[in-house]
All heavy atoms as atom14 arrays in JSON, in Angstrom:
{
  "sequence": "VYIQSRTGGATFGNIIAGGVIGGVIDGSNGASNHLYPSPVYVRL",
  "atom14_mask": [
    [1, 1, 1, 1, 1, 1, 1, 0, 0, 0, 0, 0, 0, 0],
    [1, 1, 1, 1, 1, 1, 1, 1, 1, 1, 1, 1, 0, 0],
    [1, 1, 1, 1, 1, 1, 1, 1, 0, 0, 0, 0, 0, 0],
    [1, 1, 1, 1, 1, 1, 1, 1, 1, 0, 0, 0, 0, 0],
    [1, 1, 1, 1, 1, 1, 0, 0, 0, 0, 0, 0, 0, 0],
    [1, 1, 1, 1, 1, 1, 1, 1, 1, 1, 1, 0, 0, 0],
    [1, 1, 1, 1, 1, 1, 1, 0, 0, 0, 0, 0, 0, 0],
    [1, 1, 1, 1, 0, 0, 0, 0, 0, 0, 0, 0, 0, 0],
    [1, 1, 1, 1, 0, 0, 0, 0, 0, 0, 0, 0, 0, 0],
    [1, 1, 1, 1, 1, 0, 0, 0, 0, 0, 0, 0, 0, 0],
    [1, 1, 1, 1, 1, 1, 1, 0, 0, 0, 0, 0, 0, 0],
    [1, 1, 1, 1, 1, 1, 1, 1, 1, 1, 1, 0, 0, 0],
    [1, 1, 1, 1, 0, 0, 0, 0, 0, 0, 0, 0, 0, 0],
    [1, 1, 1, 1, 1, 1, 1, 1, 0, 0, 0, 0, 0, 0],
    [1, 1, 1, 1, 1, 1, 1, 1, 0, 0, 0, 0, 0, 0],
    [1, 1, 1, 1, 1, 1, 1, 1, 0, 0, 0, 0, 0, 0],
    [1, 1, 1, 1, 1, 0, 0, 0, 0, 0, 0, 0, 0, 0],
    [1, 1, 1, 1, 0, 0, 0, 0, 0, 0, 0, 0, 0, 0],
    [1, 1, 1, 1, 0, 0, 0, 0, 0, 0, 0, 0, 0, 0],
    [1, 1, 1, 1, 1, 1, 1, 0, 0, 0, 0, 0, 0, 0],
    [1, 1, 1, 1, 1, 1, 1, 1, 0, 0, 0, 0, 0, 0],
    [1, 1, 1, 1, 0, 0, 0, 0, 0, 0, 0, 0, 0, 0],
    [1, 1, 1, 1, 0, 0, 0, 0, 0, 0, 0, 0, 0, 0],
    [1, 1, 1, 1, 1, 1, 1, 0, 0, 0, 0, 0, 0, 0],
    [1, 1, 1, 1, 1, 1, 1, 1, 0, 0, 0, 0, 0, 0],
    [1, 1, 1, 1, 1, 1, 1, 1, 0, 0, 0, 0, 0, 0],
    [1, 1, 1, 1, 0, 0, 0, 0, 0, 0, 0, 0, 0, 0],
    [1, 1, 1, 1, 1, 1, 0, 0, 0, 0, 0, 0, 0, 0],
    [1, 1, 1, 1, 1, 1, 1, 1, 0, 0, 0, 0, 0, 0],
    [1, 1, 1, 1, 0, 0, 0, 0, 0, 0, 0, 0, 0, 0],
    [1, 1, 1, 1, 1, 0, 0, 0, 0, 0, 0, 0, 0, 0],
    [1, 1, 1, 1, 1, 1, 0, 0, 0, 0, 0, 0, 0, 0],
    [1, 1, 1, 1, 1, 1, 1, 1, 0, 0, 0, 0, 0, 0],
    [1, 1, 1, 1, 1, 1, 1, 1, 1, 1, 0, 0, 0, 0],
    [1, 1, 1, 1, 1, 1, 1, 1, 0, 0, 0, 0, 0, 0],
    [1, 1, 1, 1, 1, 1, 1, 1, 1, 1, 1, 1, 0, 0],
    [1, 1, 1, 1, 1, 1, 1, 0, 0, 0, 0, 0, 0, 0],
    [1, 1, 1, 1, 1, 1, 0, 0, 0, 0, 0, 0, 0, 0],
    [1, 1, 1, 1, 1, 1, 1, 0, 0, 0, 0, 0, 0, 0],
    [1, 1, 1, 1, 1, 1, 1, 0, 0, 0, 0, 0, 0, 0],
    [1, 1, 1, 1, 1, 1, 1, 1, 1, 1, 1, 1, 0, 0],
    [1, 1, 1, 1, 1, 1, 1, 0, 0, 0, 0, 0, 0, 0],
    [1, 1, 1, 1, 1, 1, 1, 1, 1, 1, 1, 0, 0, 0],
    [1, 1, 1, 1, 1, 1, 1, 1, 0, 0, 0, 0, 0, 0]
  ],
  "atom14_positions": [
    [[-8.1, 17.02, 6.67], [-8.42, 15.62, 6.36], [-7.15, 14.82, 6.52], [-6.07, 15.18, 6.01], [-8.92, 15.47, 4.9], [-9.18, 14.01, 4.55], [-10.13, 16.36, 4.64], [0.0, 0.0, 0.0], [0.0, 0.0, 0.0], [0.0, 0.0, 0.0], [0.0, 0.0, 0.0], [0.0, 0.0, 0.0], [0.0, 0.0, 0.0], [0.0, 0.0, 0.0]],
    [[-7.26, 13.7, 7.26], [-6.14, 12.75, 7.36], [-6.04, 11.94, 6.06], [-7.04, 11.54, 5.48], [-6.35, 11.76, 8.51], [-6.29, 12.4, 9.88], [-7.31, 12.16, 10.82], [-5.2, 13.19, 10.25], [-7.24, 12.71, 12.06], [-5.15, 13.74, 11.52], [-6.16, 13.49, 12.45], [-6.09, 14.04, 13.67], [0.0, 0.0, 0.0], [0.0, 0.0, 0.0]],
    [[-4.81, 11.69, 5.63], [-4.55, 10.81, 4.47], [-3.84, 9.6, 5.02], [-2.74, 9.71, 5.58], [-3.68, 11.53, 3.41], [-4.39, 12.8, 2.91], [-3.42, 10.57, 2.23], [-3.56, 13.68, 2.01], [0.0, 0.0, 0.0], [0.0, 0.0, 0.0], [0.0, 0.0, 0.0], [0.0, 0.0, 0.0], [0.0, 0.0, 0.0], [0.0, 0.0, 0.0]],
    [[-4.46, 8.43, 4.87], [-3.93, 7.2, 5.47], [-3.25, 6.33, 4.45], [-3.75, 6.13, 3.35], [-5.1, 6.42, 6.11], [-4.65, 5.19, 6.85], [-5.84, 4.41, 7.41], [-6.87, 4.29, 6.77], [-5.66, 3.87, 8.61], [0.0, 0.0, 0.0], [0.0, 0.0, 0.0], [0.0, 0.0, 0.0], [0.0, 0.0, 0.0], [0.0, 0.0, 0.0]],
    [[-2.1, 5.83, 4.83], [-1.37, 4.85, 4.03], [-1.9, 3.46, 4.4], [-1.77, 3.04, 5.56], [0.13, 4.9, 4.3], [0.81, 3.91, 3.61], [0.0, 0.0, 0.0], [0.0, 0.0, 0.0], [0.0, 0.0, 0.0], [0.0, 0.0, 0.0], [0.0, 0.0, 0.0], [0.0, 0.0, 0.0], [0.0, 0.0, 0.0], [0.0, 0.0, 0.0]],
    [[-2.56, 2.79, 3.45], [-3.18, 1.5, 3.69], [-2.44, 0.41, 2.93], [-2.02, 0.6, 1.8], [-4.63, 1.51, 3.22], [-5.5, 2.47, 4.03], [-6.92, 2.41, 3.54], [-7.76, 3.24, 4.41], [-9.08, 3.36, 4.23], [-9.67, 2.76, 3.2], [-9.78, 4.12, 5.04], [0.0, 0.0, 0.0], [0.0, 0.0, 0.0], [0.0, 0.0, 0.0]],
    [[-2.32, -0.78, 3.54], [-1.7, -1.9, 2.9], [-2.59, -2.35, 1.75], [-3.79, -2.52, 1.9], [-1.53, -3.05, 3.9], [-0.73, -2.58, 5.0], [-0.83, -4.25, 3.24], [0.0, 0.0, 0.0], [0.0, 0.0, 0.0], [0.0, 0.0, 0.0], [0.0, 0.0, 0.0], [0.0, 0.0, 0.0], [0.0, 0.0, 0.0], [0.0, 0.0, 0.0]],
    [[-1.98, -2.56, 0.57], [-2.7, -2.98, -0.61], [-3.1, -4.46, -0.51], [-2.46, -5.26, 0.15], [0.0, 0.0, 0.0], [0.0, 0.0, 0.0], [0.0, 0.0, 0.0], [0.0, 0.0, 0.0], [0.0, 0.0, 0.0], [0.0, 0.0, 0.0], [0.0, 0.0, 0.0], [0.0, 0.0, 0.0], [0.0, 0.0, 0.0], [0.0, 0.0, 0.0]],
    [[-4.17, -4.8, -1.21], [-4.69, -6.17, -1.2], [-3.76, -7.19, -1.81], [-3.84, -8.37, -1.56], [0.0, 0.0, 0.0], [0.0, 0.0, 0.0], [0.0, 0.0, 0.0], [0.0, 0.0, 0.0], [0.0, 0.0, 0.0], [0.0, 0.0, 0.0], [0.0, 0.0, 0.0], [0.0, 0.0, 0.0], [0.0, 0.0, 0.0], [0.0, 0.0, 0.0]],
    [[-2.88, -6.74, -2.71], [-2.0, -7.68, -3.42], [-0.72, -8.02, -2.62], [0.12, -8.79, -3.09], [-1.6, -7.1, -4.76], [0.0, 0.0, 0.0], [0.0, 0.0, 0.0], [0.0, 0.0, 0.0], [0.0, 0.0, 0.0], [0.0, 0.0, 0.0], [0.0, 0.0, 0.0], [0.0, 0.0, 0.0], [0.0, 0.0, 0.0], [0.0, 0.0, 0.0]],
    [[-0.59, -7.51, -1.41], [0.62, -7.69, -0.65], [0.95, -9.17, -0.43], [2.06, -9.6, -0.64], [0.49, -7.01, 0.72], [0.3, -5.6, 0.48], [1.73, -7.2, 1.55], [0.0, 0.0, 0.0], [0.0, 0.0, 0.0], [0.0, 0.0, 0.0], [0.0, 0.0, 0.0], [0.0, 0.0, 0.0], [0.0, 0.0, 0.0], [0.0, 0.0, 0.0]],
    [[-0.04, -9.93, 0.0], [0.23, -11.35, 0.3], [0.48, -12.15, -0.97], [1.34, -13.03, -0.98], [-0.92, -11.93, 1.13], [-1.05, -11.2, 2.43], [-2.11, -10.31, 2.64], [-0.09, -11.33, 3.43], [-2.21, -9.6, 3.83], [-0.19, -10.62, 4.61], [-1.27, -9.74, 4.82], [0.0, 0.0, 0.0], [0.0, 0.0, 0.0], [0.0, 0.0, 0.0]],
    [[-0.18, -11.83, -2.07], [0.12, -12.46, -3.35], [1.53, -12.14, -3.81], [2.22, -12.97, -4.38], [0.0, 0.0, 0.0], [0.0, 0.0, 0.0], [0.0, 0.0, 0.0], [0.0, 0.0, 0.0], [0.0, 0.0, 0.0], [0.0, 0.0, 0.0], [0.0, 0.0, 0.0], [0.0, 0.0, 0.0], [0.0, 0.0, 0.0], [0.0, 0.0, 0.0]],
    [[1.95, -10.92, -3.53], [3.3, -10.48, -3.88], [4.31, -11.31, -3.12], [5.36, -11.7, -3.67], [3.47, -9.0, -3.59], [4.88, -8.5, -3.88], [5.5, -8.96, -4.8], [5.37, -7.62, -3.05], [0.0, 0.0, 0.0], [0.0, 0.0, 0.0], [0.0, 0.0, 0.0], [0.0, 0.0, 0.0], [0.0, 0.0, 0.0], [0.0, 0.0, 0.0]],
    [[4.06, -11.59, -1.84], [5.0, -12.38, -1.06], [5.12, -13.77, -1.66], [6.2, -14.34, -1.81], [4.58, -12.43, 0.39], [4.73, -11.02, 1.04], [5.37, -13.46, 1.19], [4.18, -10.87, 2.43], [0.0, 0.0, 0.0], [0.0, 0.0, 0.0], [0.0, 0.0, 0.0], [0.0, 0.0, 0.0], [0.0, 0.0, 0.0], [0.0, 0.0, 0.0]],
    [[3.98, -14.36, -2.08], [3.99, -15.68, -2.68], [4.71, -15.67, -4.02], [5.6, -16.49, -4.27], [2.55, -16.22, -2.84], [1.94, -16.47, -1.46], [2.52, -17.5, -3.67], [0.46, -16.7, -1.48], [0.0, 0.0, 0.0], [0.0, 0.0, 0.0], [0.0, 0.0, 0.0], [0.0, 0.0, 0.0], [0.0, 0.0, 0.0], [0.0, 0.0, 0.0]],
    [[4.39, -14.68, -4.87], [4.98, -14.65, -6.2], [6.41, -14.1, -6.19], [7.27, -14.58, -6.89], [4.12, -13.77, -7.13], [0.0, 0.0, 0.0], [0.0, 0.0, 0.0], [0.0, 0.0, 0.0], [0.0, 0.0, 0.0], [0.0, 0.0, 0.0], [0.0, 0.0, 0.0], [0.0, 0.0, 0.0], [0.0, 0.0, 0.0], [0.0, 0.0, 0.0]],
    [[6.65, -13.09, -5.36], [7.96, -12.41, -5.36], [8.9, -12.9, -4.3], [10.04, -12.44, -4.23], [0.0, 0.0, 0.0], [0.0, 0.0, 0.0], [0.0, 0.0, 0.0], [0.0, 0.0, 0.0], [0.0, 0.0, 0.0], [0.0, 0.0, 0.0], [0.0, 0.0, 0.0], [0.0, 0.0, 0.0], [0.0, 0.0, 0.0], [0.0, 0.0, 0.0]],
    [[8.39, -13.74, -3.42], [9.21, -14.24, -2.33], [9.24, -13.32, -1.16], [8.74, -12.19, -1.18], [0.0, 0.0, 0.0], [0.0, 0.0, 0.0], [0.0, 0.0, 0.0], [0.0, 0.0, 0.0], [0.0, 0.0, 0.0], [0.0, 0.0, 0.0], [0.0, 0.0, 0.0], [0.0, 0.0, 0.0], [0.0, 0.0, 0.0], [0.0, 0.0, 0.0]],
    [[9.79, -13.79, -0.09], [9.86, -13.03, 1.16], [10.66, -11.75, 0.97], [10.29, -10.68, 1.47], [10.4, -13.9, 2.3], [10.61, -13.07, 3.58], [9.49, -15.08, 2.58], [0.0, 0.0, 0.0], [0.0, 0.0, 0.0], [0.0, 0.0, 0.0], [0.0, 0.0, 0.0], [0.0, 0.0, 0.0], [0.0, 0.0, 0.0], [0.0, 0.0, 0.0]],
    [[11.76, -11.82, 0.25], [12.6, -10.65, 0.06], [11.83, -9.53, -0.65], [11.86, -8.39, -0.23], [13.9, -10.99, -0.7], [14.77, -11.92, 0.13], [14.67, -9.72, -1.06], [15.96, -12.45, -0.57], [0.0, 0.0, 0.0], [0.0, 0.0, 0.0], [0.0, 0.0, 0.0], [0.0, 0.0, 0.0], [0.0, 0.0, 0.0], [0.0, 0.0, 0.0]],
    [[11.13, -9.9, -1.7], [10.32, -8.9, -2.43], [9.24, -8.31, -1.54], [8.98, -7.11, -1.56], [0.0, 0.0, 0.0], [0.0, 0.0, 0.0], [0.0, 0.0, 0.0], [0.0, 0.0, 0.0], [0.0, 0.0, 0.0], [0.0, 0.0, 0.0], [0.0, 0.0, 0.0], [0.0, 0.0, 0.0], [0.0, 0.0, 0.0], [0.0, 0.0, 0.0]],
    [[8.59, -9.16, -0.72], [7.57, -8.69, 0.18], [8.14, -7.73, 1.25], [7.54, -6.73, 1.56], [0.0, 0.0, 0.0], [0.0, 0.0, 0.0], [0.0, 0.0, 0.0], [0.0, 0.0, 0.0], [0.0, 0.0, 0.0], [0.0, 0.0, 0.0], [0.0, 0.0, 0.0], [0.0, 0.0, 0.0], [0.0, 0.0, 0.0], [0.0, 0.0, 0.0]],
    [[9.32, -8.03, 1.76], [9.96, -7.17, 2.75], [10.32, -5.84, 2.12], [10.09, -4.79, 2.72], [11.2, -7.88, 3.36], [12.03, -6.9, 4.17], [10.76, -9.07, 4.21], [0.0, 0.0, 0.0], [0.0, 0.0, 0.0], [0.0, 0.0, 0.0], [0.0, 0.0, 0.0], [0.0, 0.0, 0.0], [0.0, 0.0, 0.0], [0.0, 0.0, 0.0]],
    [[10.86, -5.88, 0.91], [11.27, -4.64, 0.24], [10.03, -3.78, 0.03], [10.02, -2.58, 0.34], [11.98, -4.92, -1.1], [13.36, -5.5, -0.81], [12.09, -3.67, -1.95], [14.08, -6.04, -2.01], [0.0, 0.0, 0.0], [0.0, 0.0, 0.0], [0.0, 0.0, 0.0], [0.0, 0.0, 0.0], [0.0, 0.0, 0.0], [0.0, 0.0, 0.0]],
    [[8.96, -4.34, -0.55], [7.74, -3.6, -0.79], [7.14, -3.05, 0.5], [6.64, -1.93, 0.51], [6.71, -4.44, -1.56], [7.08, -4.68, -2.98], [7.96, -3.97, -3.51], [6.52, -5.59, -3.6], [0.0, 0.0, 0.0], [0.0, 0.0, 0.0], [0.0, 0.0, 0.0], [0.0, 0.0, 0.0], [0.0, 0.0, 0.0], [0.0, 0.0, 0.0]],
    [[7.18, -3.84, 1.54], [6.65, -3.4, 2.84], [7.45, -2.28, 3.45], [6.9, -1.33, 4.0], [0.0, 0.0, 0.0], [0.0, 0.0, 0.0], [0.0, 0.0, 0.0], [0.0, 0.0, 0.0], [0.0, 0.0, 0.0], [0.0, 0.0, 0.0], [0.0, 0.0, 0.0], [0.0, 0.0, 0.0], [0.0, 0.0, 0.0], [0.0, 0.0, 0.0]],
    [[8.75, -2.36, 3.3], [9.61, -1.33, 3.94], [9.62, -0.02, 3.19], [9.76, 1.04, 3.8], [11.02, -1.87, 4.12], [11.65, -2.06, 2.87], [0.0, 0.0, 0.0], [0.0, 0.0, 0.0], [0.0, 0.0, 0.0], [0.0, 0.0, 0.0], [0.0, 0.0, 0.0], [0.0, 0.0, 0.0], [0.0, 0.0, 0.0], [0.0, 0.0, 0.0]],
    [[9.44, -0.05, 1.88], [9.47, 1.21, 1.15], [8.07, 1.76, 0.83], [7.97, 2.8, 0.21], [10.32, 1.09, -0.14], [9.71, 0.2, -1.19], [8.54, -0.14, -1.18], [10.53, -0.2, -2.16], [0.0, 0.0, 0.0], [0.0, 0.0, 0.0], [0.0, 0.0, 0.0], [0.0, 0.0, 0.0], [0.0, 0.0, 0.0], [0.0, 0.0, 0.0]],
    [[7.06, 1.05, 1.27], [5.67, 1.51, 1.1], [5.03, 1.23, -0.24], [3.88, 1.59, -0.45], [0.0, 0.0, 0.0], [0.0, 0.0, 0.0], [0.0, 0.0, 0.0], [0.0, 0.0, 0.0], [0.0, 0.0, 0.0], [0.0, 0.0, 0.0], [0.0, 0.0, 0.0], [0.0, 0.0, 0.0], [0.0, 0.0, 0.0], [0.0, 0.0, 0.0]],
    [[5.77, 0.57, -1.15], [5.25, 0.38, -2.5], [3.98, -0.49, -2.54], [3.18, -0.37, -3.43], [6.31, -0.27, -3.38], [0.0, 0.0, 0.0], [0.0, 0.0, 0.0], [0.0, 0.0, 0.0], [0.0, 0.0, 0.0], [0.0, 0.0, 0.0], [0.0, 0.0, 0.0], [0.0, 0.0, 0.0], [0.0, 0.0, 0.0], [0.0, 0.0, 0.0]],
    [[3.8, -1.33, -1.51], [2.61, -2.18, -1.49], [1.39, -1.45, -0.9], [0.32, -2.01, -0.83], [2.92, -3.47, -0.7], [3.26, -3.17, 0.62], [0.0, 0.0, 0.0], [0.0, 0.0, 0.0], [0.0, 0.0, 0.0], [0.0, 0.0, 0.0], [0.0, 0.0, 0.0], [0.0, 0.0, 0.0], [0.0, 0.0, 0.0], [0.0, 0.0, 0.0]],
    [[1.57, -0.22, -0.47], [0.52, 0.57, 0.13], [-0.15, 1.48, -0.92], [0.39, 1.72, -1.99], [1.03, 1.44, 1.27], [1.5, 0.62, 2.45], [1.7, -0.57, 2.38], [1.68, 1.32, 3.55], [0.0, 0.0, 0.0], [0.0, 0.0, 0.0], [0.0, 0.0, 0.0], [0.0, 0.0, 0.0], [0.0, 0.0, 0.0], [0.0, 0.0, 0.0]],
    [[-1.31, 2.0, -0.54], [-1.97, 3.04, -1.34], [-2.48, 4.07, -0.33], [-2.77, 3.79, 0.83], [-3.1, 2.49, -2.22], [-4.26, 1.94, -1.49], [-4.24, 0.67, -0.92], [-5.45, 2.48, -1.15], [-5.4, 0.44, -0.3], [-6.15, 1.51, -0.43], [0.0, 0.0, 0.0], [0.0, 0.0, 0.0], [0.0, 0.0, 0.0], [0.0, 0.0, 0.0]],
    [[-2.62, 5.28, -0.81], [-3.08, 6.39, 0.01], [-4.58, 6.57, -0.13], [-5.13, 6.48, -1.24], [-2.37, 7.7, -0.31], [-0.83, 7.63, -0.14], [-0.19, 8.86, -0.72], [-0.49, 7.48, 1.34], [0.0, 0.0, 0.0], [0.0, 0.0, 0.0], [0.0, 0.0, 0.0], [0.0, 0.0, 0.0], [0.0, 0.0, 0.0], [0.0, 0.0, 0.0]],
    [[-5.27, 6.83, 0.98], [-6.72, 6.99, 1.0], [-7.06, 8.15, 1.9], [-6.49, 8.28, 2.95], [-7.41, 5.72, 1.48], [-8.89, 5.83, 1.42], [-9.56, 5.54, 0.21], [-9.66, 6.25, 2.47], [-10.94, 5.65, 0.08], [-11.03, 6.38, 2.37], [-11.67, 6.07, 1.17], [-13.03, 6.2, 1.08], [0.0, 0.0, 0.0], [0.0, 0.0, 0.0]],
    [[-7.98, 9.03, 1.49], [-8.72, 8.98, 0.21], [-7.86, 9.51, -0.95], [-6.97, 10.31, -0.74], [-9.92, 9.92, 0.49], [-9.44, 10.89, 1.53], [-8.43, 10.12, 2.34], [0.0, 0.0, 0.0], [0.0, 0.0, 0.0], [0.0, 0.0, 0.0], [0.0, 0.0, 0.0], [0.0, 0.0, 0.0], [0.0, 0.0, 0.0], [0.0, 0.0, 0.0]],
    [[-8.21, 9.08, -2.1], [-7.56, 9.57, -3.32], [-8.57, 9.47, -4.46], [-8.96, 8.36, -4.82], [-6.32, 8.75, -3.66], [-5.67, 9.25, -4.81], [0.0, 0.0, 0.0], [0.0, 0.0, 0.0], [0.0, 0.0, 0.0], [0.0, 0.0, 0.0], [0.0, 0.0, 0.0], [0.0, 0.0, 0.0], [0.0, 0.0, 0.0], [0.0, 0.0, 0.0]],
    [[-9.04, 10.63, -4.94], [-8.6, 11.96, -4.61], [-9.12, 12.4, -3.21], [-10.02, 11.8, -2.69], [-9.3, 12.82, -5.68], [-10.53, 12.07, -6.03], [-10.15, 10.61, -5.91], [0.0, 0.0, 0.0], [0.0, 0.0, 0.0], [0.0, 0.0, 0.0], [0.0, 0.0, 0.0], [0.0, 0.0, 0.0], [0.0, 0.0, 0.0], [0.0, 0.0, 0.0]],
    [[-8.48, 13.42, -2.67], [-8.97, 14.04, -1.45], [-9.87, 15.17, -1.92], [-9.42, 16.24, -2.32], [-7.82, 14.59, -0.57], [-8.38, 15.1, 0.76], [-6.77, 13.51, -0.33], [0.0, 0.0, 0.0], [0.0, 0.0, 0.0], [0.0, 0.0, 0.0], [0.0, 0.0, 0.0], [0.0, 0.0, 0.0], [0.0, 0.0, 0.0], [0.0, 0.0, 0.0]],
    [[-11.16, 14.85, -1.93], [-12.18, 15.74, -2.54], [-13.14, 16.11, -1.41], [-13.85, 15.27, -0.85], [-12.88, 14.99, -3.65], [-13.82, 15.75, -4.57], [-14.07, 17.11, -4.42], [-14.49, 15.05, -5.57], [-14.9, 17.77, -5.29], [-15.37, 15.71, -6.43], [-15.57, 17.06, -6.27], [-16.43, 17.73, -7.14], [0.0, 0.0, 0.0], [0.0, 0.0, 0.0]],
    [[-13.2, 17.42, -1.11], [-14.01, 17.9, 0.03], [-15.02, 18.92, -0.41], [-14.7, 19.85, -1.16], [-13.08, 18.52, 1.09], [-13.87, 19.07, 2.26], [-12.06, 17.51, 1.6], [0.0, 0.0, 0.0], [0.0, 0.0, 0.0], [0.0, 0.0, 0.0], [0.0, 0.0, 0.0], [0.0, 0.0, 0.0], [0.0, 0.0, 0.0], [0.0, 0.0, 0.0]],
    [[-16.28, 18.73, 0.05], [-17.31, 19.77, -0.14], [-17.24, 20.65, 1.13], [-17.47, 20.19, 2.22], [-18.72, 19.18, -0.28], [-19.78, 20.26, -0.44], [-21.16, 19.71, -0.72], [-21.13, 19.01, -1.98], [-21.8, 17.85, -2.18], [-22.5, 17.27, -1.23], [-21.73, 17.28, -3.38], [0.0, 0.0, 0.0], [0.0, 0.0, 0.0], [0.0, 0.0, 0.0]],
    [[-16.86, 21.91, 0.89], [-16.71, 22.87, 1.98], [-18.07, 23.39, 2.43], [-19.06, 23.38, 1.68], [-15.82, 24.02, 1.5], [-14.42, 23.61, 1.03], [-13.71, 24.8, 0.38], [-13.6, 23.04, 2.16], [0.0, 0.0, 0.0], [0.0, 0.0, 0.0], [0.0, 0.0, 0.0], [0.0, 0.0, 0.0], [0.0, 0.0, 0.0], [0.0, 0.0, 0.0]]
  ]
}
């Protein structure tokens, strides 16, 4: 199963509230992302 890093919905709000610098930091270190699926639950 592939686990995808997806951009979180709050990213653009974060840029507005935290400024461009905060948005760049979160974008570069992945903090604004979430992993999917989570849990990785498979019926074999």
